[in-house]
Amino acid sequence: MMPSLDGNEVARRIKQNPSLPFIPIIMQTALDSTESKVEGLEAGADDYITKPIEFAELKARLRSMLRIKRLQEELEERERALLEANERLKHMSRTDSLTGLDNRRYFEQQLDLMFAHSQRLSEPLSCVMCDLDRFKSVNDEHGHQAGDAVLKQFAAVLKREAREIDRVGRYGGEEFIVLLPGTVLDASVTFAERVRKQVENHTFVFDGGTIRRTASFGVAGWPHPRVTYCDALVRAADDALYVAKETGRNRVVRFDSDEFNAHTSANDGAQREWGNDPEPGGDGATAARRLRRAG
């Protein structure tokens, strides 16, 4: 018998250590009682052999344990491969395949969570909608591969300028969206203006040539009396983006600013109540605005 640390305790410590792989344990002892065998097996032993040892039996038991170990390792490898495949599928389901940003579906899920978080903690949340100016002409004149290259580079500018806690997504086509948690409207306008200048000074490179483009931005924030839920926040930023397009492109327009209100009043005759719209972003007026600002 070992004086201080017996075989049962050794087996127990090996099996309880999560950093160790599966290690088969054959308990060898001079004790042949049922109680001793049960105690050893419950401590973690995988098999049991008593003295005197029959070496032919020991070899057979060792071969059996090695087969079990191989099966265990194969099972663990399959589990690792399955986990990796699941992670890849999860990434694909959340990510825009062209730009690597959040896709619209995942972004909207995050929007719901972040808006609820901001309301719960009474922290500001800002939304920036941005759109490449005259992007259609890139595809028409240089082809869709050139257009894809421009979109990827624009996405890279957005991602580089955003913080780790911000969410950056591709909302559709050449339209992108950024959520800035804990950020007041003035700071979000500063962010959008910084990105606008970066894009204005950027030379987009594609196979066979280069091109310069600008971008327009609409910025909205919560809390705001006319933004009462998360879809209304996106819609307000989208409407500000529309005004930026209508008033000359390559600019940042803030929702509910004097410039915004003057333009919408002149075009619509009355201001709309965003927070009370039953279907934000889904009416014919929004679709028409997007058609009018194409490019």
Protein backbone atom coordinates (compact mmCIF):
# COMPACT_ATOMS: atom_id res chain seq x y z
CA MET A 1 0.00 0.00 0.00
CA MET A 2 1.25 3.51 -0.76
CA PRO A 3 1.83 5.40 2.52
CA SER A 4 0.28 8.82 1.75
CA LEU A 5 -1.39 8.86 -1.69
CA ASP A 6 -3.12 5.65 -2.67
CA GLY A 7 -4.08 4.51 -6.14
CA ASN A 8 -7.70 5.54 -5.72
CA GLU A 9 -6.70 9.15 -5.04
CA VAL A 10 -4.29 9.17 -8.00
CA ALA A 11 -7.05 7.91 -10.29
CA ARG A 12 -9.49 10.47 -8.88
CA ARG A 13 -7.11 13.39 -9.48
CA ILE A 14 -6.32 12.28 -13.03
CA LYS A 15 -9.97 11.93 -14.00
CA GLN A 16 -10.98 15.22 -12.38
CA ASN A 17 -8.32 17.26 -14.20
CA PRO A 18 -10.07 18.79 -17.26
CA SER A 19 -6.77 19.71 -18.90
CA LEU A 20 -5.76 16.06 -19.28
CA PRO A 21 -6.87 13.90 -22.22
CA PHE A 22 -8.61 10.58 -21.67
CA ILE A 23 -6.07 8.38 -19.85
CA PRO A 24 -7.10 4.73 -19.36
CA ILE A 25 -6.39 3.48 -15.84
CA ILE A 26 -6.06 -0.18 -14.90
CA MET A 27 -6.06 -0.57 -11.15
CA GLN A 28 -3.64 -3.19 -9.79
CA THR A 29 -3.95 -4.33 -6.20
CA ALA A 30 -3.50 -7.27 -3.88
CA LEU A 31 -6.99 -6.65 -2.45
CA ASP A 32 -9.61 -8.85 -4.04
CA SER A 33 -12.73 -7.81 -2.17
CA THR A 34 -15.79 -6.47 -4.01
CA GLU A 35 -15.66 -3.32 -1.88
CA SER A 36 -12.06 -2.58 -2.98
CA LYS A 37 -12.93 -3.06 -6.65
CA VAL A 38 -16.02 -0.85 -6.41
CA GLU A 39 -14.03 1.85 -4.62
CA GLY A 40 -11.32 1.83 -7.29
CA LEU A 41 -13.77 1.92 -10.19
CA GLU A 42 -15.77 4.75 -8.62
CA ALA A 43 -12.53 6.68 -8.09
CA GLY A 44 -11.94 6.65 -11.84
CA ALA A 45 -10.29 3.36 -12.74
CA ASP A 46 -11.42 1.89 -16.07
CA ASP A 47 -10.45 -1.68 -15.28
CA TYR A 48 -9.20 -3.76 -12.39
CA ILE A 49 -6.63 -6.53 -12.06
CA THR A 50 -5.50 -8.31 -8.92
CA LYS A 51 -2.25 -9.91 -7.94
CA PRO A 52 -0.68 -12.26 -8.85
CA ILE A 53 -0.66 -10.78 -12.33
CA GLU A 54 -1.26 -12.98 -15.35
CA PHE A 55 0.70 -11.18 -18.05
CA ALA A 56 -1.36 -12.57 -20.91
CA GLU A 57 -4.48 -11.17 -19.22
CA LEU A 58 -2.73 -7.85 -18.55
CA LYS A 59 -1.73 -7.52 -22.23
CA ALA A 60 -5.31 -8.24 -23.32
CA ARG A 61 -6.69 -5.66 -20.92
CA LEU A 62 -4.11 -3.08 -22.09
CA ARG A 63 -5.06 -3.67 -25.73
CA SER A 64 -8.71 -3.25 -24.78
CA MET A 65 -7.98 0.06 -23.00
CA LEU A 66 -5.99 1.33 -25.98
CA ARG A 67 -8.93 0.56 -28.28
CA ILE A 68 -11.20 2.52 -25.96
CA LYS A 69 -8.70 5.39 -25.93
CA ARG A 70 -8.60 5.50 -29.74
CA LEU A 71 -12.39 5.55 -29.89
CA GLN A 72 -12.47 8.32 -27.29
CA GLU A 73 -9.95 10.40 -29.26
CA GLU A 74 -11.93 9.89 -32.48
CA LEU A 75 -15.08 10.98 -30.70
CA GLU A 76 -13.37 14.09 -29.31
CA GLU A 77 -12.01 14.95 -32.76
CA ARG A 78 -15.49 14.65 -34.26
CA GLU A 79 -16.88 16.87 -31.52
CA ARG A 80 -14.18 19.48 -32.22
CA ALA A 81 -14.93 19.35 -35.94
CA LEU A 82 -18.66 19.70 -35.24
CA LEU A 83 -18.08 22.70 -32.96
CA GLU A 84 -15.87 24.36 -35.58
CA ALA A 85 -18.48 23.72 -38.28
CA ASN A 86 -21.18 25.19 -36.04
CA GLU A 87 -19.05 28.27 -35.40
CA ARG A 88 -18.49 28.71 -39.14
CA LEU A 89 -22.22 28.39 -39.80
CA LYS A 90 -22.98 30.87 -37.03
CA HIS A 91 -20.45 33.32 -38.51
CA MET A 92 -21.93 32.87 -41.99
CA SER A 93 -25.47 33.44 -40.69
CA ARG A 94 -24.43 36.71 -39.06
CA THR A 95 -21.99 38.12 -41.59
CA ASP A 96 -22.29 39.80 -44.96
CA SER A 97 -20.23 37.57 -47.24
CA LEU A 98 -18.79 40.42 -49.33
CA THR A 99 -17.73 42.92 -46.67
CA GLY A 100 -17.40 40.81 -43.52
CA LEU A 101 -19.68 43.22 -41.63
CA ASP A 102 -22.87 42.29 -39.80
CA ASN A 103 -25.61 41.34 -42.21
CA ARG A 104 -28.96 43.07 -41.94
CA ARG A 105 -30.72 40.27 -40.06
CA TYR A 106 -28.06 39.99 -37.36
CA PHE A 107 -27.64 43.75 -37.16
CA GLU A 108 -31.35 44.21 -36.48
CA GLN A 109 -31.15 41.61 -33.70
CA GLN A 110 -28.30 43.57 -32.14
CA LEU A 111 -30.24 46.81 -32.60
CA ASP A 112 -33.13 45.43 -30.53
CA LEU A 113 -30.75 44.39 -27.74
CA MET A 114 -28.75 47.63 -27.74
CA PHE A 115 -31.83 49.85 -27.82
CA ALA A 116 -33.34 47.96 -24.87
CA HIS A 117 -30.00 48.21 -23.03
CA SER A 118 -29.84 51.97 -23.63
CA GLN A 119 -33.39 52.45 -22.39
CA ARG A 120 -32.76 50.35 -19.31
CA LEU A 121 -29.62 52.30 -18.34
CA SER A 122 -30.79 55.67 -19.74
CA GLU A 123 -27.70 55.82 -21.94
CA PRO A 124 -27.66 57.50 -25.38
CA LEU A 125 -27.62 55.45 -28.58
CA SER A 126 -26.89 56.88 -32.00
CA CYS A 127 -27.43 55.50 -35.48
CA VAL A 128 -25.57 56.51 -38.64
CA MET A 129 -26.88 55.52 -42.06
CA CYS A 130 -24.44 55.95 -44.93
CA ASP A 131 -24.63 55.46 -48.65
CA LEU A 132 -22.01 55.65 -51.40
CA ASP A 133 -22.83 58.44 -53.84
CA ARG A 134 -23.42 57.53 -57.50
CA PHE A 135 -22.47 53.91 -56.83
CA LYS A 136 -24.62 52.57 -59.66
CA SER A 137 -22.32 54.19 -62.17
CA VAL A 138 -19.40 52.15 -60.80
CA ASN A 139 -21.15 48.91 -61.73
CA ASP A 140 -22.42 50.32 -65.04
CA GLU A 141 -19.06 51.70 -66.19
CA HIS A 142 -16.55 49.32 -64.59
CA GLY A 143 -18.47 46.12 -63.83
CA HIS A 144 -19.74 44.43 -60.70
CA GLN A 145 -16.30 43.20 -59.63
CA ALA A 146 -15.15 46.81 -59.43
CA GLY A 147 -18.32 47.63 -57.50
CA ASP A 148 -17.60 44.81 -55.05
CA ALA A 149 -14.06 46.10 -54.52
CA VAL A 150 -15.39 49.60 -53.79
CA LEU A 151 -17.93 48.24 -51.29
CA LYS A 152 -15.29 46.20 -49.48
CA GLN A 153 -12.97 49.20 -49.19
CA PHE A 154 -15.80 51.44 -47.98
CA ALA A 155 -16.69 48.81 -45.35
CA ALA A 156 -13.05 48.72 -44.26
CA VAL A 157 -13.06 52.51 -43.73
CA LEU A 158 -16.19 52.25 -41.57
CA LYS A 159 -14.77 49.37 -39.54
CA ARG A 160 -11.47 51.17 -39.02
CA GLU A 161 -13.14 54.34 -37.75
CA ALA A 162 -15.64 52.54 -35.49
CA ARG A 163 -14.87 51.50 -31.91
CA GLU A 164 -14.89 47.90 -30.72
CA ILE A 165 -18.23 48.41 -28.98
CA ASP A 166 -19.89 49.83 -32.11
CA ARG A 167 -21.86 47.67 -34.54
CA VAL A 168 -21.20 48.13 -38.24
CA GLY A 169 -23.47 46.45 -40.78
CA ARG A 170 -24.33 46.33 -44.43
CA TYR A 171 -27.97 47.29 -44.66
CA GLY A 172 -28.43 46.58 -48.35
CA GLY A 173 -26.68 47.31 -51.63
CA GLU A 174 -24.39 50.29 -51.09
CA GLU A 175 -26.13 51.33 -47.88
CA PHE A 176 -24.39 50.77 -44.54
CA ILE A 177 -25.36 51.38 -40.93
CA VAL A 178 -23.46 52.00 -37.69
CA LEU A 179 -24.74 51.86 -34.12
CA LEU A 180 -22.82 53.93 -31.57
CA PRO A 181 -23.77 52.99 -27.99
CA GLY A 182 -23.19 55.52 -25.23
CA THR A 183 -22.76 58.25 -27.86
CA VAL A 184 -24.69 61.52 -27.98
CA LEU A 185 -25.86 62.96 -31.27
CA ASP A 186 -23.13 65.63 -31.55
CA ALA A 187 -20.39 63.00 -31.16
CA SER A 188 -22.09 60.79 -33.77
CA VAL A 189 -22.17 63.69 -36.24
CA THR A 190 -18.43 64.14 -35.60
CA PHE A 191 -17.90 60.42 -36.29
CA ALA A 192 -19.88 60.59 -39.54
CA GLU A 193 -18.01 63.70 -40.67
CA ARG A 194 -14.69 61.97 -40.00
CA VAL A 195 -15.73 58.97 -42.11
CA ARG A 196 -17.05 61.28 -44.85
CA LYS A 197 -13.66 62.98 -45.14
CA GLN A 198 -11.88 59.62 -45.17
CA VAL A 199 -14.04 58.44 -48.07
CA GLU A 200 -13.71 61.72 -49.95
CA ASN A 201 -9.91 61.46 -49.80
CA HIS A 202 -9.79 57.74 -50.54
CA THR A 203 -8.84 56.31 -53.93
CA PHE A 204 -10.75 53.10 -54.51
CA VAL A 205 -8.64 50.50 -56.27
CA PHE A 206 -9.96 47.63 -58.37
CA ASP A 207 -8.57 45.27 -60.97
CA GLY A 208 -7.93 47.46 -63.97
CA GLY A 209 -8.27 50.91 -62.50
CA THR A 210 -9.02 53.34 -59.71
CA ILE A 211 -11.96 55.58 -58.90
CA ARG A 212 -12.95 58.32 -56.47
CA ARG A 213 -16.32 58.42 -54.77
CA THR A 214 -18.02 60.28 -51.92
CA ALA A 215 -20.60 59.20 -49.36
CA SER A 216 -23.66 60.73 -47.72
CA PHE A 217 -24.66 60.27 -44.08
CA GLY A 218 -27.78 60.56 -41.98
CA VAL A 219 -27.46 60.64 -38.18
CA ALA A 220 -30.14 60.15 -35.51
CA GLY A 221 -30.02 59.47 -31.80
CA TRP A 222 -31.96 58.35 -28.78
CA PRO A 223 -33.27 59.79 -26.51
CA HIS A 224 -35.37 62.01 -28.73
CA PRO A 225 -39.09 62.86 -28.41
CA ARG A 226 -39.75 61.67 -31.97
CA VAL A 227 -37.76 58.45 -31.61
CA THR A 228 -39.56 56.12 -29.25
CA TYR A 229 -38.47 52.65 -30.39
CA CYS A 230 -35.58 51.04 -32.24
CA ASP A 231 -37.10 50.91 -35.75
CA ALA A 232 -37.92 54.61 -35.45
CA LEU A 233 -34.25 55.31 -34.72
CA VAL A 234 -33.17 53.63 -37.96
CA ARG A 235 -35.93 55.34 -39.90
CA ALA A 236 -34.95 58.75 -38.57
CA ALA A 237 -31.33 58.18 -39.65
CA ASP A 238 -32.55 56.91 -43.02
CA ASP A 239 -34.66 60.01 -43.56
CA ALA A 240 -31.70 62.22 -42.63
CA LEU A 241 -29.65 60.30 -45.21
CA TYR A 242 -32.32 61.01 -47.80
CA VAL A 243 -32.04 64.72 -47.05
CA ALA A 244 -28.25 64.50 -47.41
CA LYS A 245 -28.74 62.96 -50.86
CA GLU A 246 -31.37 65.49 -51.88
CA THR A 247 -29.31 68.49 -50.81
CA GLY A 248 -26.16 67.74 -52.75
CA ARG A 249 -24.58 64.46 -51.50
CA ASN A 250 -21.17 64.15 -49.80
CA ARG A 251 -22.54 65.58 -46.57
CA VAL A 252 -23.74 64.69 -43.08
CA VAL A 253 -27.30 65.58 -42.09
CA ARG A 254 -28.57 65.36 -38.55
CA PHE A 255 -32.14 64.26 -37.95
CA ASP A 256 -34.37 67.10 -36.67
CA SER A 257 -31.76 69.76 -37.42
CA ASP A 258 -32.83 73.06 -38.94
CA GLU A 259 -31.55 71.87 -42.31
CA PHE A 260 -33.48 68.61 -42.04
CA ASN A 261 -36.72 70.23 -40.92
CA ALA A 262 -36.56 72.93 -43.57
CA HIS A 263 -36.11 70.38 -46.32
CA THR A 264 -38.77 67.95 -45.15
CA SER A 265 -41.25 70.76 -44.55
CA ALA A 266 -40.67 72.11 -48.04
CA ASN A 267 -41.13 68.65 -49.61
CA ASP A 268 -43.84 67.10 -47.44
CA GLY A 269 -45.70 70.14 -46.17
CA ALA A 270 -45.75 68.67 -42.66
CA GLN A 271 -43.43 66.77 -40.33
CA ARG A 272 -44.18 63.14 -39.69
CA GLU A 273 -44.42 61.59 -36.24
CA TRP A 274 -41.75 58.87 -36.44
CA GLY A 275 -42.45 57.45 -33.00
CA ASN A 276 -46.16 56.91 -33.75
CA ASP A 277 -45.82 55.39 -37.22
CA PRO A 278 -47.33 51.87 -37.01
CA GLU A 279 -44.99 50.47 -39.66
CA PRO A 280 -41.67 52.35 -39.53
CA GLY A 281 -39.60 51.98 -42.65
CA GLY A 282 -42.26 49.91 -44.40
CA ASP A 283 -44.62 52.41 -46.04
CA GLY A 284 -44.75 53.49 -49.65
CA ALA A 285 -43.33 56.91 -48.85
CA THR A 286 -40.07 55.42 -47.59
CA ALA A 287 -39.80 53.19 -50.65
CA ALA A 288 -40.38 56.20 -52.89
CA ARG A 289 -37.74 58.22 -51.08
CA ARG A 290 -35.22 55.44 -51.60
CA LEU A 291 -36.04 55.25 -55.28
CA ARG A 292 -35.65 59.02 -55.62
CA ARG A 293 -32.26 59.03 -53.96
CA ALA A 294 -30.87 56.06 -55.99
CA GLY A 295 -27.24 56.75 -56.70
